[in-house]
Amino acid sequence: MANSSKDRRQGLLAKTYLDEEEGLWIAPCEAIHTFGMKISIDAVFLDKTCRVRHIRHSLKPRRIAVCWSARSVLELAAGSVAASETQVGDRIEFVAN
């Protein structure tokens, strides 16, 4: 989870690969960019109740994605959102290991 300014700035910039089980939850957040990233990602924009408000599939490097109604963004490996069949309106539940 990236909930500090430093963690949000760093994000996934150093990643050259994301495992299908990996991701980054950025909160608070309503807009992201992939400038400086080496990989494509799926971005899931969540409201304050963790309901999916918007999805960007396979967001390539050097792009911007925004959802003004979002309170956080879940960045995942490209293709993982389609594989999970997650859709706008679904509610995401975070479970600690």
C-alpha atoms as a PDB file:
ATOM      1  CA  MET A   1       0.000   0.000   0.000  1.00  0.00           C
ATOM      2  CA  ALA A   2       1.282   3.435  -0.924  1.00  0.00           C
ATOM      3  CA  ASN A   3      -0.236   5.842   1.566  1.00  0.00           C
ATOM      4  CA  SER A   4       2.676   8.229   2.068  1.00  0.00           C
ATOM      5  CA  SER A   5       3.817  10.904  -0.353  1.00  0.00           C
ATOM      6  CA  LYS A   6       7.168   9.131  -0.828  1.00  0.00           C
ATOM      7  CA  ASP A   7       5.533   5.750  -1.551  1.00  0.00           C
ATOM      8  CA  ARG A   8       3.099   7.331  -4.026  1.00  0.00           C
ATOM      9  CA  ARG A   9       5.941   9.083  -5.869  1.00  0.00           C
ATOM     10  CA  GLN A  10       7.963   5.855  -6.142  1.00  0.00           C
ATOM     11  CA  GLY A  11       5.009   3.630  -7.020  1.00  0.00           C
ATOM     12  CA  LEU A  12       5.952   0.894  -9.483  1.00  0.00           C
ATOM     13  CA  LEU A  13       8.700   2.883 -11.223  1.00  0.00           C
ATOM     14  CA  ALA A  14      11.451   0.364 -10.446  1.00  0.00           C
ATOM     15  CA  LYS A  15       9.424  -2.664 -11.562  1.00  0.00           C
ATOM     16  CA  THR A  16      10.295  -4.431 -14.801  1.00  0.00           C
ATOM     17  CA  TYR A  17       7.761  -7.198 -14.169  1.00  0.00           C
ATOM     18  CA  LEU A  18       4.659  -7.653 -12.007  1.00  0.00           C
ATOM     19  CA  ASP A  19       3.585 -11.111 -10.915  1.00  0.00           C
ATOM     20  CA  GLU A  20      -0.163 -11.761 -11.235  1.00  0.00           C
ATOM     21  CA  GLU A  21      -0.348 -11.786  -7.414  1.00  0.00           C
ATOM     22  CA  GLU A  22       1.395  -8.391  -7.043  1.00  0.00           C
ATOM     23  CA  GLY A  23      -0.020  -4.912  -7.049  1.00  0.00           C
ATOM     24  CA  LEU A  24       0.046  -1.511  -5.441  1.00  0.00           C
ATOM     25  CA  TRP A  25      -2.868   0.205  -3.703  1.00  0.00           C
ATOM     26  CA  ILE A  26      -2.452   3.982  -3.784  1.00  0.00           C
ATOM     27  CA  ALA A  27      -4.545   5.972  -1.320  1.00  0.00           C
ATOM     28  CA  PRO A  28      -5.613   8.688  -1.474  1.00  0.00           C
ATOM     29  CA  CYS A  29      -5.519   8.917  -5.261  1.00  0.00           C
ATOM     30  CA  GLU A  30      -7.797   9.858  -8.156  1.00  0.00           C
ATOM     31  CA  ALA A  31      -5.271  10.086 -11.003  1.00  0.00           C
ATOM     32  CA  ILE A  32      -2.142   8.196 -11.987  1.00  0.00           C
ATOM     33  CA  HIS A  33       0.537   8.401 -14.646  1.00  0.00           C
ATOM     34  CA  THR A  34       2.913   5.822 -16.062  1.00  0.00           C
ATOM     35  CA  PHE A  35       5.708   8.217 -17.055  1.00  0.00           C
ATOM     36  CA  GLY A  36       9.023   6.526 -16.288  1.00  0.00           C
ATOM     37  CA  MET A  37       7.465   3.064 -15.951  1.00  0.00           C
ATOM     38  CA  LYS A  38       8.806   0.123 -17.918  1.00  0.00           C
ATOM     39  CA  ILE A  39       5.652  -2.020 -17.876  1.00  0.00           C
ATOM     40  CA  SER A  40       1.973  -1.777 -18.733  1.00  0.00           C
ATOM     41  CA  ILE A  41      -0.500  -2.057 -15.866  1.00  0.00           C
ATOM     42  CA  ASP A  42      -4.190  -2.447 -15.176  1.00  0.00           C
ATOM     43  CA  ALA A  43      -5.584   0.397 -13.050  1.00  0.00           C
ATOM     44  CA  VAL A  44      -8.684  -0.107 -10.926  1.00  0.00           C
ATOM     45  CA  PHE A  45     -10.135   3.128  -9.538  1.00  0.00           C
ATOM     46  CA  LEU A  46     -12.030   2.642  -6.266  1.00  0.00           C
ATOM     47  CA  ASP A  47     -14.405   4.896  -4.345  1.00  0.00           C
ATOM     48  CA  LYS A  48     -14.365   5.309  -0.552  1.00  0.00           C
ATOM     49  CA  THR A  49     -16.234   2.003  -0.086  1.00  0.00           C
ATOM     50  CA  CYS A  50     -13.793   0.161  -2.422  1.00  0.00           C
ATOM     51  CA  ARG A  51     -16.399  -0.123  -5.156  1.00  0.00           C
ATOM     52  CA  VAL A  52     -14.879  -0.176  -8.643  1.00  0.00           C
ATOM     53  CA  ARG A  53     -15.646   3.129 -10.365  1.00  0.00           C
ATOM     54  CA  HIS A  54     -13.431   2.846 -13.464  1.00  0.00           C
ATOM     55  CA  ILE A  55     -10.955   0.388 -15.011  1.00  0.00           C
ATOM     56  CA  ARG A  56      -8.093   1.049 -17.403  1.00  0.00           C
ATOM     57  CA  HIS A  57      -6.822  -2.150 -18.983  1.00  0.00           C
ATOM     58  CA  SER A  58      -3.171  -2.467 -20.089  1.00  0.00           C
ATOM     59  CA  LEU A  59      -2.244   1.155 -19.475  1.00  0.00           C
ATOM     60  CA  LYS A  60       1.039   1.603 -21.330  1.00  0.00           C
ATOM     61  CA  PRO A  61       4.041   3.647 -20.143  1.00  0.00           C
ATOM     62  CA  ARG A  62       3.842   7.433 -20.652  1.00  0.00           C
ATOM     63  CA  ARG A  63       0.061   7.617 -20.141  1.00  0.00           C
ATOM     64  CA  ILE A  64      -2.345   9.307 -17.695  1.00  0.00           C
ATOM     65  CA  ALA A  65      -5.551   7.880 -16.219  1.00  0.00           C
ATOM     66  CA  VAL A  66      -8.092   9.803 -14.124  1.00  0.00           C
ATOM     67  CA  CYS A  67     -11.324   9.075 -12.295  1.00  0.00           C
ATOM     68  CA  TRP A  68     -12.517  12.091 -10.306  1.00  0.00           C
ATOM     69  CA  SER A  69     -14.916   9.981  -8.218  1.00  0.00           C
ATOM     70  CA  ALA A  70     -12.118   7.659  -7.056  1.00  0.00           C
ATOM     71  CA  ARG A  71     -10.505   7.760  -3.636  1.00  0.00           C
ATOM     72  CA  SER A  72      -7.823   5.157  -4.385  1.00  0.00           C
ATOM     73  CA  VAL A  73      -6.279   3.214  -7.258  1.00  0.00           C
ATOM     74  CA  LEU A  74      -5.197  -0.393  -7.390  1.00  0.00           C
ATOM     75  CA  GLU A  75      -2.350  -0.951  -9.896  1.00  0.00           C
ATOM     76  CA  LEU A  76      -2.035  -4.546 -11.072  1.00  0.00           C
ATOM     77  CA  ALA A  77      -0.234  -6.594 -13.691  1.00  0.00           C
ATOM     78  CA  ALA A  78      -1.621  -5.963 -17.176  1.00  0.00           C
ATOM     79  CA  GLY A  79      -4.301  -8.531 -17.966  1.00  0.00           C
ATOM     80  CA  SER A  80      -5.058  -9.474 -14.370  1.00  0.00           C
ATOM     81  CA  VAL A  81      -8.314  -7.487 -14.169  1.00  0.00           C
ATOM     82  CA  ALA A  82      -9.751  -9.220 -17.238  1.00  0.00           C
ATOM     83  CA  ALA A  83      -8.585 -12.595 -15.903  1.00  0.00           C
ATOM     84  CA  SER A  84     -10.392 -11.948 -12.600  1.00  0.00           C
ATOM     85  CA  GLU A  85     -13.516 -10.743 -14.443  1.00  0.00           C
ATOM     86  CA  THR A  86     -13.600  -7.641 -12.230  1.00  0.00           C
ATOM     87  CA  GLN A  87     -16.113  -5.075 -13.495  1.00  0.00           C
ATOM     88  CA  VAL A  88     -17.244  -1.547 -12.694  1.00  0.00           C
ATOM     89  CA  GLY A  89     -19.622  -1.777  -9.729  1.00  0.00           C
ATOM     90  CA  ASP A  90     -17.832  -4.691  -8.053  1.00  0.00           C
ATOM     91  CA  ARG A  91     -16.596  -4.161  -4.515  1.00  0.00           C
ATOM     92  CA  ILE A  92     -12.974  -5.043  -3.698  1.00  0.00           C
ATOM     93  CA  GLU A  93     -12.184  -6.543  -0.309  1.00  0.00           C
ATOM     94  CA  PHE A  94      -8.630  -6.363   1.018  1.00  0.00           C
ATOM     95  CA  VAL A  95      -7.578  -9.249   3.248  1.00  0.00           C
ATOM     96  CA  ALA A  96      -4.319  -9.220   5.231  1.00  0.00           C
ATOM     97  CA  ASN A  97      -2.126 -12.306   4.973  1.00  0.00           C
END
